């Protein structure tokens, strides 16, 4: 009987292990698309344009994932999520991957049953104000009313910032992004606080963008990254190396315009990256052309950045921390071998 009990425990543990390693890749292939959680309201990162076409850095990273798996960047169904519902949707299996300007933190990594992949945008929290407020620094905001989303790192950061600078604030907490922005533009609060990239996107679609400014202070570190459920290592690897592939392509000088010509390169690193030399695809459980398909169909990281948020867009954001490491930024990919 003791042996039977031991066997029963072993079988149970094996079953739990099998469930924890459930194959998201296999599920995605079986249904023929990836269910992706996105913001839906953030210009430059995840928002449909006036023709209903999804645009943004997070959206294009999701398209890169689709290109890697299906050889088609459009095998995606988007689910719009709020800051409050985004992690629950991932935990419950409602979505396969979260591409929603989510900050990686120790607490989220350890407590929410999810893992973060490679950072696809390095950000920091700031303050958006009307110019008529005549404020030049966040340290002049003592006593201000502050519009902020609940359940976010933003809410904690702004409370810490005011407390550490011995200032007071009156939070205006609204769960929905669109309603929060409307409250700010309607004058219900003196300033709006969020990630600086998000503030740039909000200002870009303001009734009169020139009436608003982002203060110079950045009060936090916000590494924004896609997230997956904990326990499926293969799926995490695929999502992680999809983002890495965008970065590696830029570093190797491979673009959507020259990728076919690059197939003829004699550079061993380029041959491995594009699948001319086999191995990387098999390691991930993908076609050997997975990285080629990403660049051909979506572009490299620089192309995605400049198209969605770069200096020639409405947002006008410099590369900064999101430049390649060789150019003073933090974007760095491990070797593809």
C-alpha atoms as a PDB file:
ATOM      1  CA  UNK A   1       0.000   0.000   0.000  1.00  0.00           C
ATOM      2  CA  UNK A   2       2.872   2.323   0.815  1.00  0.00           C
ATOM      3  CA  UNK A   3       4.330   1.748  -2.667  1.00  0.00           C
ATOM      4  CA  UNK A   4       0.961   2.512  -4.245  1.00  0.00           C
ATOM      5  CA  UNK A   5       0.724   5.786  -2.310  1.00  0.00           C
ATOM      6  CA  UNK A   6       4.205   6.752  -3.459  1.00  0.00           C
ATOM      7  CA  UNK A   7       3.267   5.956  -7.056  1.00  0.00           C
ATOM      8  CA  UNK A   8       0.073   7.992  -6.733  1.00  0.00           C
ATOM      9  CA  UNK A   9       2.025  10.999  -5.432  1.00  0.00           C
ATOM     10  CA  UNK A  10       4.536  10.672  -8.278  1.00  0.00           C
ATOM     11  CA  UNK A  11       1.756  10.516 -10.869  1.00  0.00           C
ATOM     12  CA  UNK A  12       0.090  13.574  -9.325  1.00  0.00           C
ATOM     13  CA  UNK A  13       3.339  15.544  -9.348  1.00  0.00           C
ATOM     14  CA  UNK A  14       3.958  14.522 -12.955  1.00  0.00           C
ATOM     15  CA  UNK A  15       0.477  15.688 -13.912  1.00  0.00           C
ATOM     16  CA  UNK A  16       1.011  19.038 -12.191  1.00  0.00           C
ATOM     17  CA  UNK A  17       4.361  19.414 -13.927  1.00  0.00           C
ATOM     18  CA  UNK A  18       2.765  18.627 -17.292  1.00  0.00           C
ATOM     19  CA  UNK A  19       0.037  21.206 -16.701  1.00  0.00           C
ATOM     20  CA  UNK A  20       2.563  23.839 -15.660  1.00  0.00           C
ATOM     21  CA  UNK A  21       4.413  23.257 -18.917  1.00  0.00           C
ATOM     22  CA  UNK A  22       1.261  23.439 -21.024  1.00  0.00           C
ATOM     23  CA  UNK A  23       2.213  24.245 -24.605  1.00  0.00           C
ATOM     24  CA  UNK A  24       1.012  27.715 -25.520  1.00  0.00           C
ATOM     25  CA  UNK A  25       2.769  27.377 -28.881  1.00  0.00           C
ATOM     26  CA  UNK A  26       0.796  24.239 -29.670  1.00  0.00           C
ATOM     27  CA  UNK A  27      -2.453  25.874 -28.541  1.00  0.00           C
ATOM     28  CA  UNK A  28      -1.778  28.943 -30.667  1.00  0.00           C
ATOM     29  CA  UNK A  29      -0.980  26.845 -33.732  1.00  0.00           C
ATOM     30  CA  UNK A  30      -4.101  24.751 -33.230  1.00  0.00           C
ATOM     31  CA  UNK A  31      -6.445  27.751 -33.152  1.00  0.00           C
ATOM     32  CA  UNK A  32      -4.506  29.592 -35.878  1.00  0.00           C
ATOM     33  CA  UNK A  33      -3.936  32.915 -34.127  1.00  0.00           C
ATOM     34  CA  UNK A  34      -2.427  34.573 -31.062  1.00  0.00           C
ATOM     35  CA  UNK A  35      -4.757  36.238 -28.551  1.00  0.00           C
ATOM     36  CA  UNK A  36      -2.882  39.365 -27.505  1.00  0.00           C
ATOM     37  CA  UNK A  37      -3.767  41.763 -24.690  1.00  0.00           C
ATOM     38  CA  UNK A  38      -3.143  45.421 -25.561  1.00  0.00           C
ATOM     39  CA  UNK A  39      -3.888  48.895 -24.258  1.00  0.00           C
ATOM     40  CA  UNK A  40      -6.270  49.978 -26.994  1.00  0.00           C
ATOM     41  CA  UNK A  41      -6.128  53.657 -26.042  1.00  0.00           C
ATOM     42  CA  UNK A  42      -2.433  54.548 -26.117  1.00  0.00           C
ATOM     43  CA  UNK A  43      -1.290  56.388 -29.224  1.00  0.00           C
ATOM     44  CA  UNK A  44       2.116  55.127 -30.383  1.00  0.00           C
ATOM     45  CA  UNK A  45       1.909  51.846 -28.465  1.00  0.00           C
ATOM     46  CA  UNK A  46      -1.481  50.219 -28.918  1.00  0.00           C
ATOM     47  CA  UNK A  47      -4.450  51.936 -30.525  1.00  0.00           C
ATOM     48  CA  UNK A  48      -6.524  51.520 -33.705  1.00  0.00           C
ATOM     49  CA  UNK A  49      -6.198  54.344 -36.225  1.00  0.00           C
ATOM     50  CA  UNK A  50      -9.175  56.106 -37.819  1.00  0.00           C
ATOM     51  CA  UNK A  51      -9.519  53.185 -40.259  1.00  0.00           C
ATOM     52  CA  UNK A  52      -9.550  50.594 -37.480  1.00  0.00           C
ATOM     53  CA  UNK A  53      -5.997  49.361 -38.155  1.00  0.00           C
ATOM     54  CA  UNK A  54      -4.047  48.631 -34.986  1.00  0.00           C
ATOM     55  CA  UNK A  55      -0.862  50.718 -34.610  1.00  0.00           C
ATOM     56  CA  UNK A  56       1.957  51.047 -32.084  1.00  0.00           C
ATOM     57  CA  UNK A  57       5.189  49.565 -30.778  1.00  0.00           C
ATOM     58  CA  UNK A  58       3.411  46.920 -28.704  1.00  0.00           C
ATOM     59  CA  UNK A  59       1.189  46.050 -31.659  1.00  0.00           C
ATOM     60  CA  UNK A  60       4.167  45.684 -33.989  1.00  0.00           C
ATOM     61  CA  UNK A  61       5.991  43.500 -31.461  1.00  0.00           C
ATOM     62  CA  UNK A  62       2.897  41.288 -31.408  1.00  0.00           C
ATOM     63  CA  UNK A  63       2.943  41.236 -35.213  1.00  0.00           C
ATOM     64  CA  UNK A  64       6.600  40.181 -35.056  1.00  0.00           C
ATOM     65  CA  UNK A  65       5.583  37.270 -32.830  1.00  0.00           C
ATOM     66  CA  UNK A  66       2.896  36.268 -35.325  1.00  0.00           C
ATOM     67  CA  UNK A  67       5.405  36.485 -38.189  1.00  0.00           C
ATOM     68  CA  UNK A  68       7.833  34.268 -36.269  1.00  0.00           C
ATOM     69  CA  UNK A  69       5.216  31.586 -35.613  1.00  0.00           C
ATOM     70  CA  UNK A  70       2.974  31.682 -38.686  1.00  0.00           C
ATOM     71  CA  UNK A  71       5.049  33.469 -41.335  1.00  0.00           C
ATOM     72  CA  UNK A  72       2.193  35.983 -41.316  1.00  0.00           C
ATOM     73  CA  UNK A  73       2.105  39.120 -39.116  1.00  0.00           C
ATOM     74  CA  UNK A  74      -1.675  39.313 -38.972  1.00  0.00           C
ATOM     75  CA  UNK A  75      -2.573  36.031 -37.245  1.00  0.00           C
ATOM     76  CA  UNK A  76      -3.601  37.977 -34.145  1.00  0.00           C
ATOM     77  CA  UNK A  77      -6.764  38.841 -32.274  1.00  0.00           C
ATOM     78  CA  UNK A  78      -6.435  41.841 -29.976  1.00  0.00           C
ATOM     79  CA  UNK A  79      -8.122  42.149 -26.580  1.00  0.00           C
ATOM     80  CA  UNK A  80      -8.291  45.641 -25.093  1.00  0.00           C
ATOM     81  CA  UNK A  81      -7.466  45.563 -21.381  1.00  0.00           C
ATOM     82  CA  UNK A  82      -7.341  48.117 -18.588  1.00  0.00           C
ATOM     83  CA  UNK A  83      -4.460  48.422 -16.141  1.00  0.00           C
ATOM     84  CA  UNK A  84      -6.631  46.578 -13.620  1.00  0.00           C
ATOM     85  CA  UNK A  85      -7.675  43.658 -15.855  1.00  0.00           C
ATOM     86  CA  UNK A  86      -4.474  43.072 -17.859  1.00  0.00           C
ATOM     87  CA  UNK A  87      -2.768  40.589 -15.536  1.00  0.00           C
ATOM     88  CA  UNK A  88      -5.961  38.724 -14.646  1.00  0.00           C
ATOM     89  CA  UNK A  89      -6.642  38.170 -18.344  1.00  0.00           C
ATOM     90  CA  UNK A  90      -3.212  36.608 -18.754  1.00  0.00           C
ATOM     91  CA  UNK A  91      -3.485  34.478 -15.625  1.00  0.00           C
ATOM     92  CA  UNK A  92      -6.898  33.113 -16.626  1.00  0.00           C
ATOM     93  CA  UNK A  93      -5.830  32.175 -20.163  1.00  0.00           C
ATOM     94  CA  UNK A  94      -8.084  34.764 -21.803  1.00  0.00           C
ATOM     95  CA  UNK A  95      -5.002  35.946 -23.683  1.00  0.00           C
ATOM     96  CA  UNK A  96      -1.791  34.172 -24.729  1.00  0.00           C
ATOM     97  CA  UNK A  97       0.552  37.125 -24.300  1.00  0.00           C
ATOM     98  CA  UNK A  98       0.337  40.615 -22.869  1.00  0.00           C
ATOM     99  CA  UNK A  99       1.770  43.450 -24.964  1.00  0.00           C
ATOM    100  CA  UNK A 100       0.418  46.370 -22.942  1.00  0.00           C
ATOM    101  CA  UNK A 101       3.099  48.825 -21.764  1.00  0.00           C
ATOM    102  CA  UNK A 102       3.447  46.841 -18.513  1.00  0.00           C
ATOM    103  CA  UNK A 103       6.317  47.565 -16.126  1.00  0.00           C
ATOM    104  CA  UNK A 104       8.400  44.635 -14.948  1.00  0.00           C
ATOM    105  CA  UNK A 105       8.742  44.664 -11.154  1.00  0.00           C
ATOM    106  CA  UNK A 106       9.879  42.173  -8.517  1.00  0.00           C
ATOM    107  CA  UNK A 107       6.383  41.928  -7.068  1.00  0.00           C
ATOM    108  CA  UNK A 108       4.748  41.221 -10.401  1.00  0.00           C
ATOM    109  CA  UNK A 109       7.413  38.674 -11.304  1.00  0.00           C
ATOM    110  CA  UNK A 110       6.995  36.752  -8.056  1.00  0.00           C
ATOM    111  CA  UNK A 111       3.357  37.164  -7.042  1.00  0.00           C
ATOM    112  CA  UNK A 112       1.221  37.166 -10.183  1.00  0.00           C
ATOM    113  CA  UNK A 113       2.050  33.828 -11.793  1.00  0.00           C
ATOM    114  CA  UNK A 114       3.597  35.420 -14.855  1.00  0.00           C
ATOM    115  CA  UNK A 115       6.998  36.078 -16.409  1.00  0.00           C
ATOM    116  CA  UNK A 116       8.240  39.106 -18.297  1.00  0.00           C
ATOM    117  CA  UNK A 117      10.073  38.718 -21.586  1.00  0.00           C
ATOM    118  CA  UNK A 118      12.702  41.123 -22.963  1.00  0.00           C
ATOM    119  CA  UNK A 119      11.981  44.829 -22.412  1.00  0.00           C
ATOM    120  CA  UNK A 120      10.685  46.442 -25.606  1.00  0.00           C
ATOM    121  CA  UNK A 121      10.676  50.021 -24.277  1.00  0.00           C
ATOM    122  CA  UNK A 122      12.611  51.640 -21.418  1.00  0.00           C
ATOM    123  CA  UNK A 123      10.547  54.393 -19.859  1.00  0.00           C
ATOM    124  CA  UNK A 124      10.153  56.497 -16.723  1.00  0.00           C
ATOM    125  CA  UNK A 125       7.292  58.295 -15.018  1.00  0.00           C
ATOM    126  CA  UNK A 126       6.718  62.000 -15.532  1.00  0.00           C
ATOM    127  CA  UNK A 127       4.112  64.759 -15.272  1.00  0.00           C
ATOM    128  CA  UNK A 128       1.963  66.407 -17.945  1.00  0.00           C
ATOM    129  CA  UNK A 129       0.654  69.886 -17.126  1.00  0.00           C
ATOM    130  CA  UNK A 130      -1.133  72.748 -18.885  1.00  0.00           C
ATOM    131  CA  UNK A 131       1.374  75.477 -19.725  1.00  0.00           C
ATOM    132  CA  UNK A 132      -0.952  78.060 -18.187  1.00  0.00           C
ATOM    133  CA  UNK A 133      -0.161  76.531 -14.788  1.00  0.00           C
ATOM    134  CA  UNK A 134       3.241  78.293 -15.072  1.00  0.00           C
ATOM    135  CA  UNK A 135       5.091  75.413 -13.426  1.00  0.00           C
ATOM    136  CA  UNK A 136       8.599  74.492 -14.598  1.00  0.00           C
ATOM    137  CA  UNK A 137       9.449  71.665 -12.205  1.00  0.00           C
ATOM    138  CA  UNK A 138       7.593  68.824 -10.506  1.00  0.00           C
ATOM    139  CA  UNK A 139       8.907  70.163  -7.206  1.00  0.00           C
ATOM    140  CA  UNK A 140       6.558  73.126  -7.651  1.00  0.00           C
ATOM    141  CA  UNK A 141       3.490  70.851  -7.504  1.00  0.00           C
ATOM    142  CA  UNK A 142       2.966  70.978  -3.733  1.00  0.00           C
ATOM    143  CA  UNK A 143      -0.766  70.780  -3.045  1.00  0.00           C
ATOM    144  CA  UNK A 144      -1.633  69.885  -6.639  1.00  0.00           C
ATOM    145  CA  UNK A 145      -4.480  67.649  -7.709  1.00  0.00           C
ATOM    146  CA  UNK A 146      -3.027  64.737  -9.685  1.00  0.00           C
ATOM    147  CA  UNK A 147      -4.843  62.498 -12.155  1.00  0.00           C
ATOM    148  CA  UNK A 148      -3.558  58.904 -11.811  1.00  0.00           C
ATOM    149  CA  UNK A 149      -4.600  55.372 -12.757  1.00  0.00           C
ATOM    150  CA  UNK A 150      -5.246  52.994  -9.840  1.00  0.00           C
ATOM    151  CA  UNK A 151      -3.553  49.601  -9.519  1.00  0.00           C
ATOM    152  CA  UNK A 152      -0.392  50.733 -11.299  1.00  0.00           C
ATOM    153  CA  UNK A 153       3.240  51.384 -10.428  1.00  0.00           C
ATOM    154  CA  UNK A 154       2.368  54.978 -11.320  1.00  0.00           C
ATOM    155  CA  UNK A 155       0.067  55.333  -8.311  1.00  0.00           C
ATOM    156  CA  UNK A 156       2.733  54.124  -5.885  1.00  0.00           C
ATOM    157  CA  UNK A 157       5.546  56.119  -7.505  1.00  0.00           C
ATOM    158  CA  UNK A 158       3.738  59.456  -7.357  1.00  0.00           C
ATOM    159  CA  UNK A 159       2.800  58.932  -3.706  1.00  0.00           C
ATOM    160  CA  UNK A 160       6.447  58.118  -2.901  1.00  0.00           C
ATOM    161  CA  UNK A 161       7.694  61.144  -4.859  1.00  0.00           C
ATOM    162  CA  UNK A 162       5.465  63.644  -3.065  1.00  0.00           C
ATOM    163  CA  UNK A 163       6.180  62.105   0.336  1.00  0.00           C
ATOM    164  CA  UNK A 164       9.964  62.038  -0.167  1.00  0.00           C
ATOM    165  CA  UNK A 165       9.910  65.693  -1.253  1.00  0.00           C
ATOM    166  CA  UNK A 166       7.728  66.665   1.716  1.00  0.00           C
ATOM    167  CA  UNK A 167       4.886  67.771  -0.540  1.00  0.00           C
ATOM    168  CA  UNK A 168       1.177  67.022  -0.467  1.00  0.00           C
ATOM    169  CA  UNK A 169      -1.101  66.030  -3.317  1.00  0.00           C
ATOM    170  CA  UNK A 170      -4.778  65.321  -3.941  1.00  0.00           C
ATOM    171  CA  UNK A 171      -5.122  62.258  -6.172  1.00  0.00           C
ATOM    172  CA  UNK A 172      -7.934  62.025  -8.707  1.00  0.00           C
ATOM    173  CA  UNK A 173      -8.171  58.277  -9.282  1.00  0.00           C
ATOM    174  CA  UNK A 174     -10.051  57.040 -12.365  1.00  0.00           C
ATOM    175  CA  UNK A 175      -9.705  53.463 -13.630  1.00  0.00           C
ATOM    176  CA  UNK A 176     -10.349  54.037 -17.330  1.00  0.00           C
ATOM    177  CA  UNK A 177      -7.570  55.657 -19.385  1.00  0.00           C
ATOM    178  CA  UNK A 178      -9.879  57.610 -21.675  1.00  0.00           C
ATOM    179  CA  UNK A 179     -11.940  58.960 -18.764  1.00  0.00           C
ATOM    180  CA  UNK A 180      -8.789  59.884 -16.850  1.00  0.00           C
ATOM    181  CA  UNK A 181      -7.454  61.833 -19.815  1.00  0.00           C
ATOM    182  CA  UNK A 182     -10.792  63.576 -20.281  1.00  0.00           C
ATOM    183  CA  UNK A 183     -10.779  64.569 -16.616  1.00  0.00           C
ATOM    184  CA  UNK A 184      -7.325  66.108 -17.027  1.00  0.00           C
ATOM    185  CA  UNK A 185      -8.198  68.028 -20.180  1.00  0.00           C
ATOM    186  CA  UNK A 186     -11.422  69.216 -18.531  1.00  0.00           C
ATOM    187  CA  UNK A 187      -9.368  70.781 -15.720  1.00  0.00           C
ATOM    188  CA  UNK A 188     -10.364  68.404 -12.916  1.00  0.00           C
ATOM    189  CA  UNK A 189      -6.711  68.045 -11.943  1.00  0.00           C
ATOM    190  CA  UNK A 190      -3.605  70.193 -12.185  1.00  0.00           C
ATOM    191  CA  UNK A 191      -1.438  67.473 -13.711  1.00  0.00           C
ATOM    192  CA  UNK A 192      -1.543  63.984 -15.135  1.00  0.00           C
ATOM    193  CA  UNK A 193       1.148  61.487 -14.170  1.00  0.00           C
ATOM    194  CA  UNK A 194       2.144  58.375 -16.103  1.00  0.00           C
ATOM    195  CA  UNK A 195       5.036  56.955 -18.113  1.00  0.00           C
ATOM    196  CA  UNK A 196       6.661  59.719 -20.156  1.00  0.00           C
ATOM    197  CA  UNK A 197       5.926  57.894 -23.415  1.00  0.00           C
ATOM    198  CA  UNK A 198       2.275  57.622 -22.465  1.00  0.00           C
ATOM    199  CA  UNK A 199       2.165  61.323 -21.615  1.00  0.00           C
ATOM    200  CA  UNK A 200       3.625  62.112 -25.041  1.00  0.00           C
ATOM    201  CA  UNK A 201       0.908  60.010 -26.642  1.00  0.00           C
ATOM    202  CA  UNK A 202      -1.821  61.697 -24.601  1.00  0.00           C
ATOM    203  CA  UNK A 203      -0.503  65.153 -25.434  1.00  0.00           C
ATOM    204  CA  UNK A 204      -0.305  64.247 -29.145  1.00  0.00           C
ATOM    205  CA  UNK A 205      -4.073  63.662 -29.294  1.00  0.00           C
ATOM    206  CA  UNK A 206      -5.027  66.582 -27.038  1.00  0.00           C
ATOM    207  CA  UNK A 207      -7.455  69.188 -28.421  1.00  0.00           C
ATOM    208  CA  UNK A 208      -4.535  71.678 -28.510  1.00  0.00           C
ATOM    209  CA  UNK A 209      -1.241  69.791 -27.958  1.00  0.00           C
ATOM    210  CA  UNK A 210       0.768  73.027 -27.791  1.00  0.00           C
ATOM    211  CA  UNK A 211      -1.090  74.027 -24.624  1.00  0.00           C
ATOM    212  CA  UNK A 212       0.566  71.244 -22.620  1.00  0.00           C
ATOM    213  CA  UNK A 213       4.098  70.318 -21.561  1.00  0.00           C
ATOM    214  CA  UNK A 214       5.866  67.393 -19.916  1.00  0.00           C
ATOM    215  CA  UNK A 215       7.933  68.463 -16.917  1.00  0.00           C
ATOM    216  CA  UNK A 216      11.653  67.550 -16.972  1.00  0.00           C
ATOM    217  CA  UNK A 217      11.664  65.255 -13.931  1.00  0.00           C
ATOM    218  CA  UNK A 218      11.590  61.488 -14.468  1.00  0.00           C
ATOM    219  CA  UNK A 219      10.747  59.949 -11.107  1.00  0.00           C
ATOM    220  CA  UNK A 220      11.019  56.210 -11.733  1.00  0.00           C
ATOM    221  CA  UNK A 221      12.392  53.354 -13.804  1.00  0.00           C
ATOM    222  CA  UNK A 222       9.714  51.746 -15.995  1.00  0.00           C
ATOM    223  CA  UNK A 223      11.064  48.841 -18.061  1.00  0.00           C
ATOM    224  CA  UNK A 224       8.045  47.976 -20.227  1.00  0.00           C
ATOM    225  CA  UNK A 225       7.931  44.389 -21.428  1.00  0.00           C
ATOM    226  CA  UNK A 226       5.580  41.738 -22.810  1.00  0.00           C
ATOM    227  CA  UNK A 227       4.425  39.150 -20.288  1.00  0.00           C
ATOM    228  CA  UNK A 228       3.508  35.467 -20.438  1.00  0.00           C
ATOM    229  CA  UNK A 229       2.167  32.924 -17.958  1.00  0.00           C
ATOM    230  CA  UNK A 230       4.694  31.364 -15.628  1.00  0.00           C
ATOM    231  CA  UNK A 231       5.730  27.784 -16.365  1.00  0.00           C
ATOM    232  CA  UNK A 232       5.780  27.617 -20.169  1.00  0.00           C
ATOM    233  CA  UNK A 233       9.474  28.086 -20.829  1.00  0.00           C
ATOM    234  CA  UNK A 234       9.271  27.498 -24.581  1.00  0.00           C
ATOM    235  CA  UNK A 235       6.648  30.211 -25.037  1.00  0.00           C
ATOM    236  CA  UNK A 236       8.628  32.650 -22.908  1.00  0.00           C
ATOM    237  CA  UNK A 237      11.729  31.918 -25.026  1.00  0.00           C
ATOM    238  CA  UNK A 238       9.801  32.573 -28.239  1.00  0.00           C
ATOM    239  CA  UNK A 239       8.350  35.872 -27.022  1.00  0.00           C
ATOM    240  CA  UNK A 240      11.710  36.952 -25.577  1.00  0.00           C
ATOM    241  CA  UNK A 241      13.694  36.114 -28.694  1.00  0.00           C
ATOM    242  CA  UNK A 242      11.113  37.774 -30.899  1.00  0.00           C
ATOM    243  CA  UNK A 243      11.963  41.082 -29.205  1.00  0.00           C
ATOM    244  CA  UNK A 244      15.664  40.226 -29.283  1.00  0.00           C
ATOM    245  CA  UNK A 245      15.378  39.525 -33.020  1.00  0.00           C
ATOM    246  CA  UNK A 246      14.109  43.062 -33.637  1.00  0.00           C
ATOM    247  CA  UNK A 247      17.120  44.441 -31.767  1.00  0.00           C
ATOM    248  CA  UNK A 248      19.660  42.055 -33.311  1.00  0.00           C
ATOM    249  CA  UNK A 249      18.428  42.863 -36.807  1.00  0.00           C
ATOM    250  CA  UNK A 250      19.017  46.565 -36.229  1.00  0.00           C
ATOM    251  CA  UNK A 251      22.496  45.907 -34.862  1.00  0.00           C
ATOM    252  CA  UNK A 252      23.360  43.719 -37.872  1.00  0.00           C
ATOM    253  CA  UNK A 253      22.068  46.394 -40.248  1.00  0.00           C
ATOM    254  CA  UNK A 254      19.240  44.201 -41.521  1.00  0.00           C
ATOM    255  CA  UNK A 255      16.066  46.074 -42.474  1.00  0.00           C
ATOM    256  CA  UNK A 256      12.763  45.193 -44.092  1.00  0.00           C
ATOM    257  CA  UNK A 257      14.153  46.760 -47.268  1.00  0.00           C
ATOM    258  CA  UNK A 258      17.461  44.885 -47.504  1.00  0.00           C
ATOM    259  CA  UNK A 259      16.717  41.564 -45.781  1.00  0.00           C
ATOM    260  CA  UNK A 260      16.511  39.611 -49.062  1.00  0.00           C
ATOM    261  CA  UNK A 261      19.882  40.942 -50.145  1.00  0.00           C
ATOM    262  CA  UNK A 262      21.295  40.085 -46.724  1.00  0.00           C
ATOM    263  CA  UNK A 263      20.495  36.413 -47.367  1.00  0.00           C
ATOM    264  CA  UNK A 264      23.577  36.450 -49.595  1.00  0.00           C
ATOM    265  CA  UNK A 265      25.844  37.803 -46.846  1.00  0.00           C
ATOM    266  CA  UNK A 266      28.944  35.812 -45.950  1.00  0.00           C
ATOM    267  CA  UNK A 267      28.828  37.098 -42.360  1.00  0.00           C
ATOM    268  CA  UNK A 268      28.301  33.983 -40.166  1.00  0.00           C
ATOM    269  CA  UNK A 269      26.227  35.968 -37.638  1.00  0.00           C
ATOM    270  CA  UNK A 270      23.854  37.130 -40.383  1.00  0.00           C
ATOM    271  CA  UNK A 271      23.657  33.640 -41.863  1.00  0.00           C
ATOM    272  CA  UNK A 272      22.668  32.176 -38.482  1.00  0.00           C
ATOM    273  CA  UNK A 273      20.231  34.988 -37.762  1.00  0.00           C
ATOM    274  CA  UNK A 274      18.375  34.688 -41.076  1.00  0.00           C
ATOM    275  CA  UNK A 275      18.309  30.883 -41.005  1.00  0.00           C
ATOM    276  CA  UNK A 276      20.707  30.392 -43.916  1.00  0.00           C
ATOM    277  CA  UNK A 277      22.673  28.381 -41.363  1.00  0.00           C
ATOM    278  CA  UNK A 278      20.103  26.225 -39.594  1.00  0.00           C
ATOM    279  CA  UNK A 279      19.721  25.707 -35.853  1.00  0.00           C
ATOM    280  CA  UNK A 280      18.041  28.672 -34.185  1.00  0.00           C
ATOM    281  CA  UNK A 281      14.596  27.830 -35.508  1.00  0.00           C
ATOM    282  CA  UNK A 282      14.804  24.237 -34.317  1.00  0.00           C
ATOM    283  CA  UNK A 283      15.974  25.390 -30.886  1.00  0.00           C
ATOM    284  CA  UNK A 284      12.803  27.487 -30.473  1.00  0.00           C
ATOM    285  CA  UNK A 285      10.429  25.057 -32.157  1.00  0.00           C
ATOM    286  CA  UNK A 286       9.945  27.410 -35.104  1.00  0.00           C
ATOM    287  CA  UNK A 287      10.729  27.494 -38.805  1.00  0.00           C
ATOM    288  CA  UNK A 288      14.344  28.367 -39.593  1.00  0.00           C
ATOM    289  CA  UNK A 289      13.082  31.515 -41.388  1.00  0.00           C
ATOM    290  CA  UNK A 290      11.385  32.851 -38.255  1.00  0.00           C
ATOM    291  CA  UNK A 291      13.746  35.819 -37.802  1.00  0.00           C
ATOM    292  CA  UNK A 292      13.808  36.523 -41.542  1.00  0.00           C
ATOM    293  CA  UNK A 293      10.005  36.656 -41.496  1.00  0.00           C
ATOM    294  CA  UNK A 294      10.014  39.109 -38.575  1.00  0.00           C
ATOM    295  CA  UNK A 295      12.289  41.576 -40.352  1.00  0.00           C
ATOM    296  CA  UNK A 296      10.750  41.120 -43.801  1.00  0.00           C
ATOM    297  CA  UNK A 297       7.185  41.542 -42.577  1.00  0.00           C
ATOM    298  CA  UNK A 298       7.526  43.941 -39.630  1.00  0.00           C
ATOM    299  CA  UNK A 299      11.013  45.508 -39.675  1.00  0.00           C
ATOM    300  CA  UNK A 300      13.773  45.850 -37.111  1.00  0.00           C
ATOM    301  CA  UNK A 301      13.481  47.627 -33.763  1.00  0.00           C
ATOM    302  CA  UNK A 302      14.672  50.958 -35.134  1.00  0.00           C
ATOM    303  CA  UNK A 303      12.102  50.852 -37.920  1.00  0.00           C
ATOM    304  CA  UNK A 304       9.309  50.062 -35.474  1.00  0.00           C
ATOM    305  CA  UNK A 305      10.397  52.795 -33.063  1.00  0.00           C
ATOM    306  CA  UNK A 306      10.708  55.514 -35.694  1.00  0.00           C
ATOM    307  CA  UNK A 307       7.417  54.604 -37.369  1.00  0.00           C
ATOM    308  CA  UNK A 308       5.377  54.699 -34.167  1.00  0.00           C
ATOM    309  CA  UNK A 309       6.940  57.152 -31.719  1.00  0.00           C
ATOM    310  CA  UNK A 310      10.105  58.601 -33.301  1.00  0.00           C
ATOM    311  CA  UNK A 311      11.148  62.188 -33.862  1.00  0.00           C
ATOM    312  CA  UNK A 312       9.214  62.465 -37.127  1.00  0.00           C
ATOM    313  CA  UNK A 313       5.914  61.336 -35.593  1.00  0.00           C
ATOM    314  CA  UNK A 314       3.379  63.312 -33.547  1.00  0.00           C
ATOM    315  CA  UNK A 315       5.057  62.041 -30.384  1.00  0.00           C
ATOM    316  CA  UNK A 316       8.544  63.188 -31.423  1.00  0.00           C
ATOM    317  CA  UNK A 317      10.425  60.907 -29.006  1.00  0.00           C
ATOM    318  CA  UNK A 318      14.221  60.601 -29.203  1.00  0.00           C
ATOM    319  CA  UNK A 319      15.692  57.101 -29.001  1.00  0.00           C
ATOM    320  CA  UNK A 320      17.423  57.831 -25.661  1.00  0.00           C
ATOM    321  CA  UNK A 321      17.581  54.696 -23.521  1.00  0.00           C
ATOM    322  CA  UNK A 322      15.956  52.794 -26.375  1.00  0.00           C
ATOM    323  CA  UNK A 323      18.918  53.289 -28.681  1.00  0.00           C
ATOM    324  CA  UNK A 324      21.244  50.371 -29.385  1.00  0.00           C
ATOM    325  CA  UNK A 325      23.919  49.795 -26.753  1.00  0.00           C
ATOM    326  CA  UNK A 326      26.598  50.869 -29.244  1.00  0.00           C
ATOM    327  CA  UNK A 327      24.879  54.254 -29.436  1.00  0.00           C
ATOM    328  CA  UNK A 328      24.516  54.858 -25.718  1.00  0.00           C
ATOM    329  CA  UNK A 329      21.205  53.084 -25.181  1.00  0.00           C
ATOM    330  CA  UNK A 330      20.139  49.928 -23.362  1.00  0.00           C
ATOM    331  CA  UNK A 331      18.988  47.840 -26.324  1.00  0.00           C
ATOM    332  CA  UNK A 332      21.237  44.794 -26.350  1.00  0.00           C
ATOM    333  CA  UNK A 333      20.655  41.292 -27.675  1.00  0.00           C
ATOM    334  CA  UNK A 334      22.533  38.102 -26.753  1.00  0.00           C
ATOM    335  CA  UNK A 335      24.237  36.243 -29.626  1.00  0.00           C
ATOM    336  CA  UNK A 336      21.976  34.239 -31.937  1.00  0.00           C
ATOM    337  CA  UNK A 337      23.937  30.991 -31.813  1.00  0.00           C
END
